[in-house]
């Protein structure tokens, strides 16, 4: 039986790369998206072209009150598409960044980050626990910015620090069901994150490349395949870990 993975925010960026990497490893994928349905459908088409099953469902990680209804939609989709009542892996990728110094960060920016990255992750896992198969996997996205500071990302890094703590508690509480929970923390990656700060700003790109042992910033293909491999049976004994995937950034 093929494994089914739900990847939040999989219509673009690292989420999309992760979804495609999982499909290339033989898994089926549920793609969630917040606003761009066309991108999500494109991702589903790419996954289907690889010979795997995929569907796209809308999900706004900032709206925790919608999660019970999303869980019921997911339950129906699992039954209709796979004839199953559970899925195997949850990848909490969806999110956004805010680049602002502490003195300039607004309350709305701060609340937005914590609503999506912390409250959203916590209550989505809570809502989906009855649908995650025993022996399943949860991977929460964090950031290299929880270990290395870069001015302007204080609120974002604080939210991701909370995610790392949540990961440990989830691993402890869900271990009895054989569910592993880990954090993956990418370093600087060329995506549209933060308005494409690392990808499009040559100075920032060069700065982070100079801080990295392997001499460049990362690309999505450095992250998605790693997560796909983490979901494999050979990593069944890895849980409660923060795994940094940064090419040796600031070591």
C-alpha atoms as a PDB file:
ATOM      1  CA  UNK A   1       0.000   0.000   0.000  1.00  0.00           C
ATOM      2  CA  UNK A   2       1.414   3.384  -1.014  1.00  0.00           C
ATOM      3  CA  UNK A   3       2.089   5.931   1.699  1.00  0.00           C
ATOM      4  CA  UNK A   4       0.024   9.122   1.650  1.00  0.00           C
ATOM      5  CA  UNK A   5       1.608  12.411   2.666  1.00  0.00           C
ATOM      6  CA  UNK A   6      -0.144  15.710   3.312  1.00  0.00           C
ATOM      7  CA  UNK A   7       2.099  18.719   2.616  1.00  0.00           C
ATOM      8  CA  UNK A   8       0.798  22.122   3.653  1.00  0.00           C
ATOM      9  CA  UNK A   9       1.593  25.032   1.360  1.00  0.00           C
ATOM     10  CA  UNK A  10       2.646  22.656  -1.396  1.00  0.00           C
ATOM     11  CA  UNK A  11       1.591  24.821  -4.314  1.00  0.00           C
ATOM     12  CA  UNK A  12       4.969  26.612  -4.412  1.00  0.00           C
ATOM     13  CA  UNK A  13       8.496  26.820  -3.018  1.00  0.00           C
ATOM     14  CA  UNK A  14       9.857  24.236  -0.623  1.00  0.00           C
ATOM     15  CA  UNK A  15       6.431  22.688  -0.108  1.00  0.00           C
ATOM     16  CA  UNK A  16       6.017  21.995  -3.803  1.00  0.00           C
ATOM     17  CA  UNK A  17       9.537  20.639  -4.095  1.00  0.00           C
ATOM     18  CA  UNK A  18       8.884  18.388  -1.090  1.00  0.00           C
ATOM     19  CA  UNK A  19       5.636  17.096  -2.587  1.00  0.00           C
ATOM     20  CA  UNK A  20       7.331  16.292  -5.898  1.00  0.00           C
ATOM     21  CA  UNK A  21      10.268  14.640  -4.137  1.00  0.00           C
ATOM     22  CA  UNK A  22       7.900  12.422  -2.167  1.00  0.00           C
ATOM     23  CA  UNK A  23       6.152  11.435  -5.395  1.00  0.00           C
ATOM     24  CA  UNK A  24       9.511  10.590  -6.981  1.00  0.00           C
ATOM     25  CA  UNK A  25      10.133   8.307  -3.995  1.00  0.00           C
ATOM     26  CA  UNK A  26       6.873   6.477  -4.714  1.00  0.00           C
ATOM     27  CA  UNK A  27       4.438   8.252  -2.399  1.00  0.00           C
ATOM     28  CA  UNK A  28       1.015   9.770  -2.998  1.00  0.00           C
ATOM     29  CA  UNK A  29       0.461  13.378  -1.963  1.00  0.00           C
ATOM     30  CA  UNK A  30      -2.253  15.675  -0.675  1.00  0.00           C
ATOM     31  CA  UNK A  31      -1.362  19.239  -1.635  1.00  0.00           C
ATOM     32  CA  UNK A  32      -2.813  22.102   0.389  1.00  0.00           C
ATOM     33  CA  UNK A  33      -2.850  25.713  -0.689  1.00  0.00           C
ATOM     34  CA  UNK A  34      -4.137  28.994   0.731  1.00  0.00           C
ATOM     35  CA  UNK A  35      -4.921  31.165  -2.260  1.00  0.00           C
ATOM     36  CA  UNK A  36      -3.432  29.997  -5.527  1.00  0.00           C
ATOM     37  CA  UNK A  37      -5.542  27.103  -6.723  1.00  0.00           C
ATOM     38  CA  UNK A  38      -3.979  27.177 -10.199  1.00  0.00           C
ATOM     39  CA  UNK A  39      -0.511  26.541  -8.748  1.00  0.00           C
ATOM     40  CA  UNK A  40      -1.891  23.714  -6.623  1.00  0.00           C
ATOM     41  CA  UNK A  41      -3.496  22.084  -9.662  1.00  0.00           C
ATOM     42  CA  UNK A  42      -0.195  22.383 -11.525  1.00  0.00           C
ATOM     43  CA  UNK A  43       1.555  20.613  -8.646  1.00  0.00           C
ATOM     44  CA  UNK A  44      -1.072  17.863  -8.699  1.00  0.00           C
ATOM     45  CA  UNK A  45      -0.590  17.451 -12.457  1.00  0.00           C
ATOM     46  CA  UNK A  46       3.182  17.126 -12.008  1.00  0.00           C
ATOM     47  CA  UNK A  47       2.730  14.493  -9.317  1.00  0.00           C
ATOM     48  CA  UNK A  48       0.196  12.599 -11.416  1.00  0.00           C
ATOM     49  CA  UNK A  49       2.627  12.663 -14.350  1.00  0.00           C
ATOM     50  CA  UNK A  50       5.072  10.810 -12.096  1.00  0.00           C
ATOM     51  CA  UNK A  51       2.551   7.997 -11.751  1.00  0.00           C
ATOM     52  CA  UNK A  52       1.361   8.861  -8.265  1.00  0.00           C
ATOM     53  CA  UNK A  53      -2.047   9.891  -6.958  1.00  0.00           C
ATOM     54  CA  UNK A  54      -2.534  13.470  -5.779  1.00  0.00           C
ATOM     55  CA  UNK A  55      -5.308  15.873  -4.829  1.00  0.00           C
ATOM     56  CA  UNK A  56      -5.366  19.540  -3.793  1.00  0.00           C
ATOM     57  CA  UNK A  57      -7.352  20.943  -0.867  1.00  0.00           C
ATOM     58  CA  UNK A  58      -7.632  24.560   0.326  1.00  0.00           C
ATOM     59  CA  UNK A  59      -6.304  25.307   3.803  1.00  0.00           C
ATOM     60  CA  UNK A  60      -5.527  28.589   5.557  1.00  0.00           C
ATOM     61  CA  UNK A  61      -3.081  27.953   8.396  1.00  0.00           C
ATOM     62  CA  UNK A  62      -4.001  31.284   9.992  1.00  0.00           C
ATOM     63  CA  UNK A  63      -7.586  30.131  10.585  1.00  0.00           C
ATOM     64  CA  UNK A  64      -7.419  27.451  13.255  1.00  0.00           C
ATOM     65  CA  UNK A  65     -11.198  27.449  13.690  1.00  0.00           C
ATOM     66  CA  UNK A  66     -11.487  26.029  10.168  1.00  0.00           C
ATOM     67  CA  UNK A  67      -9.372  22.960  10.955  1.00  0.00           C
ATOM     68  CA  UNK A  68     -12.179  20.654  12.182  1.00  0.00           C
ATOM     69  CA  UNK A  69     -14.058  21.262   8.930  1.00  0.00           C
ATOM     70  CA  UNK A  70     -10.855  20.693   6.969  1.00  0.00           C
ATOM     71  CA  UNK A  71     -10.383  17.386   8.789  1.00  0.00           C
ATOM     72  CA  UNK A  72     -13.844  16.254   7.678  1.00  0.00           C
ATOM     73  CA  UNK A  73     -13.119  17.302   4.094  1.00  0.00           C
ATOM     74  CA  UNK A  74      -9.863  15.375   4.247  1.00  0.00           C
ATOM     75  CA  UNK A  75     -11.601  12.321   5.683  1.00  0.00           C
ATOM     76  CA  UNK A  76     -14.022  12.283   2.759  1.00  0.00           C
ATOM     77  CA  UNK A  77     -11.207  12.827   0.237  1.00  0.00           C
ATOM     78  CA  UNK A  78      -9.180   9.948   1.651  1.00  0.00           C
ATOM     79  CA  UNK A  79     -12.165   7.638   1.342  1.00  0.00           C
ATOM     80  CA  UNK A  80     -13.035   8.768  -2.177  1.00  0.00           C
ATOM     81  CA  UNK A  81      -9.504   8.766  -3.610  1.00  0.00           C
ATOM     82  CA  UNK A  82      -7.723   6.010  -1.700  1.00  0.00           C
ATOM     83  CA  UNK A  83     -10.442   4.012   0.016  1.00  0.00           C
ATOM     84  CA  UNK A  84      -8.692   4.746   3.304  1.00  0.00           C
ATOM     85  CA  UNK A  85      -9.592   6.451   6.566  1.00  0.00           C
ATOM     86  CA  UNK A  86      -6.072   7.577   7.430  1.00  0.00           C
ATOM     87  CA  UNK A  87      -2.951   9.093   5.882  1.00  0.00           C
ATOM     88  CA  UNK A  88       0.656   8.432   6.845  1.00  0.00           C
ATOM     89  CA  UNK A  89       2.727  11.604   6.877  1.00  0.00           C
ATOM     90  CA  UNK A  90       2.093  15.262   7.710  1.00  0.00           C
ATOM     91  CA  UNK A  91       4.560  17.927   6.551  1.00  0.00           C
ATOM     92  CA  UNK A  92       3.912  21.283   8.215  1.00  0.00           C
ATOM     93  CA  UNK A  93       5.554  23.542   5.653  1.00  0.00           C
ATOM     94  CA  UNK A  94       3.081  26.364   4.982  1.00  0.00           C
ATOM     95  CA  UNK A  95       4.165  29.751   6.209  1.00  0.00           C
ATOM     96  CA  UNK A  96       5.548  33.171   5.441  1.00  0.00           C
ATOM     97  CA  UNK A  97       8.303  35.467   6.592  1.00  0.00           C
ATOM     98  CA  UNK A  98       8.366  39.037   7.830  1.00  0.00           C
ATOM     99  CA  UNK A  99      11.564  41.059   7.490  1.00  0.00           C
ATOM    100  CA  UNK A 100      11.490  43.873  10.067  1.00  0.00           C
ATOM    101  CA  UNK A 101      13.781  45.051  12.844  1.00  0.00           C
ATOM    102  CA  UNK A 102      12.451  44.709  16.402  1.00  0.00           C
ATOM    103  CA  UNK A 103      11.780  48.436  16.653  1.00  0.00           C
ATOM    104  CA  UNK A 104       9.724  48.393  13.474  1.00  0.00           C
ATOM    105  CA  UNK A 105       7.809  45.103  13.819  1.00  0.00           C
ATOM    106  CA  UNK A 106       4.070  45.641  14.139  1.00  0.00           C
ATOM    107  CA  UNK A 107       1.767  43.666  16.384  1.00  0.00           C
ATOM    108  CA  UNK A 108      -0.091  42.490  13.286  1.00  0.00           C
ATOM    109  CA  UNK A 109       3.126  41.115  11.787  1.00  0.00           C
ATOM    110  CA  UNK A 110       4.011  39.361  15.047  1.00  0.00           C
ATOM    111  CA  UNK A 111       0.537  37.876  15.504  1.00  0.00           C
ATOM    112  CA  UNK A 112       0.424  36.778  11.869  1.00  0.00           C
ATOM    113  CA  UNK A 113       3.645  34.829  12.221  1.00  0.00           C
ATOM    114  CA  UNK A 114       2.611  33.089  15.432  1.00  0.00           C
ATOM    115  CA  UNK A 115      -0.915  32.380  14.167  1.00  0.00           C
ATOM    116  CA  UNK A 116       0.472  30.496  11.148  1.00  0.00           C
ATOM    117  CA  UNK A 117       3.712  28.947  12.369  1.00  0.00           C
ATOM    118  CA  UNK A 118       2.825  28.094  15.971  1.00  0.00           C
ATOM    119  CA  UNK A 119      -0.924  28.147  16.618  1.00  0.00           C
ATOM    120  CA  UNK A 120      -1.607  26.802  13.141  1.00  0.00           C
ATOM    121  CA  UNK A 121       0.809  23.895  13.477  1.00  0.00           C
ATOM    122  CA  UNK A 122      -0.389  23.030  16.989  1.00  0.00           C
ATOM    123  CA  UNK A 123      -4.089  22.959  16.190  1.00  0.00           C
ATOM    124  CA  UNK A 124      -3.758  21.383  12.752  1.00  0.00           C
ATOM    125  CA  UNK A 125      -1.926  18.444  14.304  1.00  0.00           C
ATOM    126  CA  UNK A 126      -4.610  18.290  16.982  1.00  0.00           C
ATOM    127  CA  UNK A 127      -7.396  18.246  14.389  1.00  0.00           C
ATOM    128  CA  UNK A 128      -5.710  15.614  12.226  1.00  0.00           C
ATOM    129  CA  UNK A 129      -4.571  13.228  14.959  1.00  0.00           C
ATOM    130  CA  UNK A 130      -7.523  10.853  14.390  1.00  0.00           C
ATOM    131  CA  UNK A 131      -6.590  10.667  10.688  1.00  0.00           C
ATOM    132  CA  UNK A 132      -2.836  10.105  11.042  1.00  0.00           C
ATOM    133  CA  UNK A 133      -2.023   6.406  10.914  1.00  0.00           C
ATOM    134  CA  UNK A 134      -0.210   4.761  13.808  1.00  0.00           C
ATOM    135  CA  UNK A 135       3.448   4.478  12.875  1.00  0.00           C
ATOM    136  CA  UNK A 136       3.176   7.677  10.839  1.00  0.00           C
ATOM    137  CA  UNK A 137       5.501  10.645  10.557  1.00  0.00           C
ATOM    138  CA  UNK A 138       5.205  14.364  11.219  1.00  0.00           C
ATOM    139  CA  UNK A 139       7.813  16.841   9.982  1.00  0.00           C
ATOM    140  CA  UNK A 140       7.658  20.462  11.097  1.00  0.00           C
ATOM    141  CA  UNK A 141       9.568  23.120   9.202  1.00  0.00           C
ATOM    142  CA  UNK A 142      11.792  25.413  11.234  1.00  0.00           C
ATOM    143  CA  UNK A 143      14.716  27.575  10.123  1.00  0.00           C
ATOM    144  CA  UNK A 144      18.450  27.980  10.470  1.00  0.00           C
ATOM    145  CA  UNK A 145      17.557  31.371  11.952  1.00  0.00           C
ATOM    146  CA  UNK A 146      16.776  29.713  15.293  1.00  0.00           C
ATOM    147  CA  UNK A 147      20.478  28.921  15.646  1.00  0.00           C
ATOM    148  CA  UNK A 148      22.099  31.832  13.781  1.00  0.00           C
ATOM    149  CA  UNK A 149      20.763  35.360  14.121  1.00  0.00           C
ATOM    150  CA  UNK A 150      20.188  37.709  11.190  1.00  0.00           C
ATOM    151  CA  UNK A 151      18.764  41.150  12.040  1.00  0.00           C
ATOM    152  CA  UNK A 152      15.218  41.595  10.831  1.00  0.00           C
ATOM    153  CA  UNK A 153      13.960  38.081  11.473  1.00  0.00           C
ATOM    154  CA  UNK A 154      13.458  38.180  15.248  1.00  0.00           C
ATOM    155  CA  UNK A 155       9.702  37.502  15.280  1.00  0.00           C
ATOM    156  CA  UNK A 156       9.941  34.824  12.595  1.00  0.00           C
ATOM    157  CA  UNK A 157      12.806  33.078  14.373  1.00  0.00           C
ATOM    158  CA  UNK A 158      10.956  33.233  17.694  1.00  0.00           C
ATOM    159  CA  UNK A 159       7.956  31.529  16.088  1.00  0.00           C
ATOM    160  CA  UNK A 160      10.169  28.830  14.625  1.00  0.00           C
ATOM    161  CA  UNK A 161      11.851  28.365  18.004  1.00  0.00           C
ATOM    162  CA  UNK A 162       8.417  27.619  19.423  1.00  0.00           C
ATOM    163  CA  UNK A 163       7.853  25.084  16.639  1.00  0.00           C
ATOM    164  CA  UNK A 164      11.049  23.287  17.642  1.00  0.00           C
ATOM    165  CA  UNK A 165       9.821  23.006  21.223  1.00  0.00           C
ATOM    166  CA  UNK A 166       6.414  21.794  20.043  1.00  0.00           C
ATOM    167  CA  UNK A 167       8.161  19.123  17.996  1.00  0.00           C
ATOM    168  CA  UNK A 168       9.794  17.633  21.084  1.00  0.00           C
ATOM    169  CA  UNK A 169       6.507  17.528  22.961  1.00  0.00           C
ATOM    170  CA  UNK A 170       4.664  16.043  20.008  1.00  0.00           C
ATOM    171  CA  UNK A 171       7.314  13.345  19.699  1.00  0.00           C
ATOM    172  CA  UNK A 172       6.927  12.517  23.371  1.00  0.00           C
ATOM    173  CA  UNK A 173       3.133  12.429  23.406  1.00  0.00           C
ATOM    174  CA  UNK A 174       2.665  10.622  20.085  1.00  0.00           C
ATOM    175  CA  UNK A 175       5.452   8.106  20.571  1.00  0.00           C
ATOM    176  CA  UNK A 176       3.020   5.613  22.079  1.00  0.00           C
ATOM    177  CA  UNK A 177       1.336   5.441  18.672  1.00  0.00           C
ATOM    178  CA  UNK A 178       4.646   4.885  16.915  1.00  0.00           C
ATOM    179  CA  UNK A 179       4.463   8.348  15.313  1.00  0.00           C
ATOM    180  CA  UNK A 180       7.801  10.107  14.882  1.00  0.00           C
ATOM    181  CA  UNK A 181       7.994  13.901  14.925  1.00  0.00           C
ATOM    182  CA  UNK A 182      11.019  15.852  13.731  1.00  0.00           C
ATOM    183  CA  UNK A 183      11.985  19.377  12.766  1.00  0.00           C
ATOM    184  CA  UNK A 184      13.789  20.187   9.525  1.00  0.00           C
ATOM    185  CA  UNK A 185      15.564  23.542   9.601  1.00  0.00           C
ATOM    186  CA  UNK A 186      16.693  24.836   6.186  1.00  0.00           C
ATOM    187  CA  UNK A 187      19.426  27.416   5.912  1.00  0.00           C
ATOM    188  CA  UNK A 188      19.271  30.253   3.393  1.00  0.00           C
ATOM    189  CA  UNK A 189      17.411  28.982   0.306  1.00  0.00           C
ATOM    190  CA  UNK A 190      16.713  30.550  -3.079  1.00  0.00           C
ATOM    191  CA  UNK A 191      12.903  30.756  -3.042  1.00  0.00           C
ATOM    192  CA  UNK A 192      10.292  33.514  -2.961  1.00  0.00           C
ATOM    193  CA  UNK A 193      10.422  33.451   0.862  1.00  0.00           C
ATOM    194  CA  UNK A 194      10.614  36.936   2.312  1.00  0.00           C
ATOM    195  CA  UNK A 195       9.892  38.438  -1.077  1.00  0.00           C
ATOM    196  CA  UNK A 196      12.743  36.489  -2.649  1.00  0.00           C
ATOM    197  CA  UNK A 197      15.325  38.104  -0.363  1.00  0.00           C
ATOM    198  CA  UNK A 198      17.974  35.392  -0.754  1.00  0.00           C
ATOM    199  CA  UNK A 199      17.100  34.505  -4.344  1.00  0.00           C
ATOM    200  CA  UNK A 200      16.863  38.005  -5.801  1.00  0.00           C
ATOM    201  CA  UNK A 201      19.184  40.165  -3.703  1.00  0.00           C
ATOM    202  CA  UNK A 202      22.713  39.474  -4.933  1.00  0.00           C
ATOM    203  CA  UNK A 203      24.295  41.032  -1.868  1.00  0.00           C
ATOM    204  CA  UNK A 204      22.280  38.947   0.591  1.00  0.00           C
ATOM    205  CA  UNK A 205      22.875  35.838  -1.516  1.00  0.00           C
ATOM    206  CA  UNK A 206      26.632  36.419  -1.485  1.00  0.00           C
ATOM    207  CA  UNK A 207      26.613  37.147   2.241  1.00  0.00           C
ATOM    208  CA  UNK A 208      24.950  33.851   3.111  1.00  0.00           C
ATOM    209  CA  UNK A 209      27.073  31.947   0.593  1.00  0.00           C
ATOM    210  CA  UNK A 210      30.151  33.294   2.339  1.00  0.00           C
ATOM    211  CA  UNK A 211      28.806  32.006   5.666  1.00  0.00           C
ATOM    212  CA  UNK A 212      28.267  28.486   4.319  1.00  0.00           C
ATOM    213  CA  UNK A 213      30.852  25.713   4.348  1.00  0.00           C
ATOM    214  CA  UNK A 214      29.787  24.398   0.938  1.00  0.00           C
ATOM    215  CA  UNK A 215      30.180  27.864  -0.563  1.00  0.00           C
ATOM    216  CA  UNK A 216      26.668  28.632  -1.809  1.00  0.00           C
ATOM    217  CA  UNK A 217      23.132  29.170  -0.605  1.00  0.00           C
ATOM    218  CA  UNK A 218      20.663  26.341  -0.893  1.00  0.00           C
ATOM    219  CA  UNK A 219      18.075  25.583  -3.573  1.00  0.00           C
ATOM    220  CA  UNK A 220      14.769  23.730  -3.157  1.00  0.00           C
ATOM    221  CA  UNK A 221      16.307  20.502  -4.468  1.00  0.00           C
ATOM    222  CA  UNK A 222      18.550  20.507  -1.394  1.00  0.00           C
ATOM    223  CA  UNK A 223      15.528  20.276   0.916  1.00  0.00           C
ATOM    224  CA  UNK A 224      12.659  18.307  -0.655  1.00  0.00           C
ATOM    225  CA  UNK A 225      14.631  15.123  -1.344  1.00  0.00           C
ATOM    226  CA  UNK A 226      16.045  15.168   2.180  1.00  0.00           C
ATOM    227  CA  UNK A 227      12.535  15.263   3.652  1.00  0.00           C
ATOM    228  CA  UNK A 228      11.404  12.480   1.324  1.00  0.00           C
ATOM    229  CA  UNK A 229      14.288  10.332   2.568  1.00  0.00           C
ATOM    230  CA  UNK A 230      13.454  11.163   6.195  1.00  0.00           C
ATOM    231  CA  UNK A 231      10.022   9.629   5.625  1.00  0.00           C
ATOM    232  CA  UNK A 232      11.561   6.344   4.494  1.00  0.00           C
ATOM    233  CA  UNK A 233      11.606   3.167   6.558  1.00  0.00           C
ATOM    234  CA  UNK A 234      15.338   3.494   7.202  1.00  0.00           C
ATOM    235  CA  UNK A 235      14.665   6.532   9.438  1.00  0.00           C
ATOM    236  CA  UNK A 236      12.039   4.925  11.638  1.00  0.00           C
ATOM    237  CA  UNK A 237      14.158   5.442  14.810  1.00  0.00           C
ATOM    238  CA  UNK A 238      14.668   9.193  14.362  1.00  0.00           C
ATOM    239  CA  UNK A 239      12.325  11.359  16.441  1.00  0.00           C
ATOM    240  CA  UNK A 240      12.326  14.620  18.425  1.00  0.00           C
ATOM    241  CA  UNK A 241      15.312  15.855  16.412  1.00  0.00           C
ATOM    242  CA  UNK A 242      16.139  19.230  14.898  1.00  0.00           C
ATOM    243  CA  UNK A 243      17.809  18.421  11.576  1.00  0.00           C
ATOM    244  CA  UNK A 244      19.490  21.421  10.000  1.00  0.00           C
ATOM    245  CA  UNK A 245      19.881  21.299   6.219  1.00  0.00           C
ATOM    246  CA  UNK A 246      22.054  24.301   5.498  1.00  0.00           C
ATOM    247  CA  UNK A 247      25.240  23.201   3.751  1.00  0.00           C
ATOM    248  CA  UNK A 248      27.157  24.034   6.910  1.00  0.00           C
ATOM    249  CA  UNK A 249      25.923  27.600   7.427  1.00  0.00           C
ATOM    250  CA  UNK A 250      27.915  29.427  10.110  1.00  0.00           C
ATOM    251  CA  UNK A 251      29.741  26.471  11.628  1.00  0.00           C
END
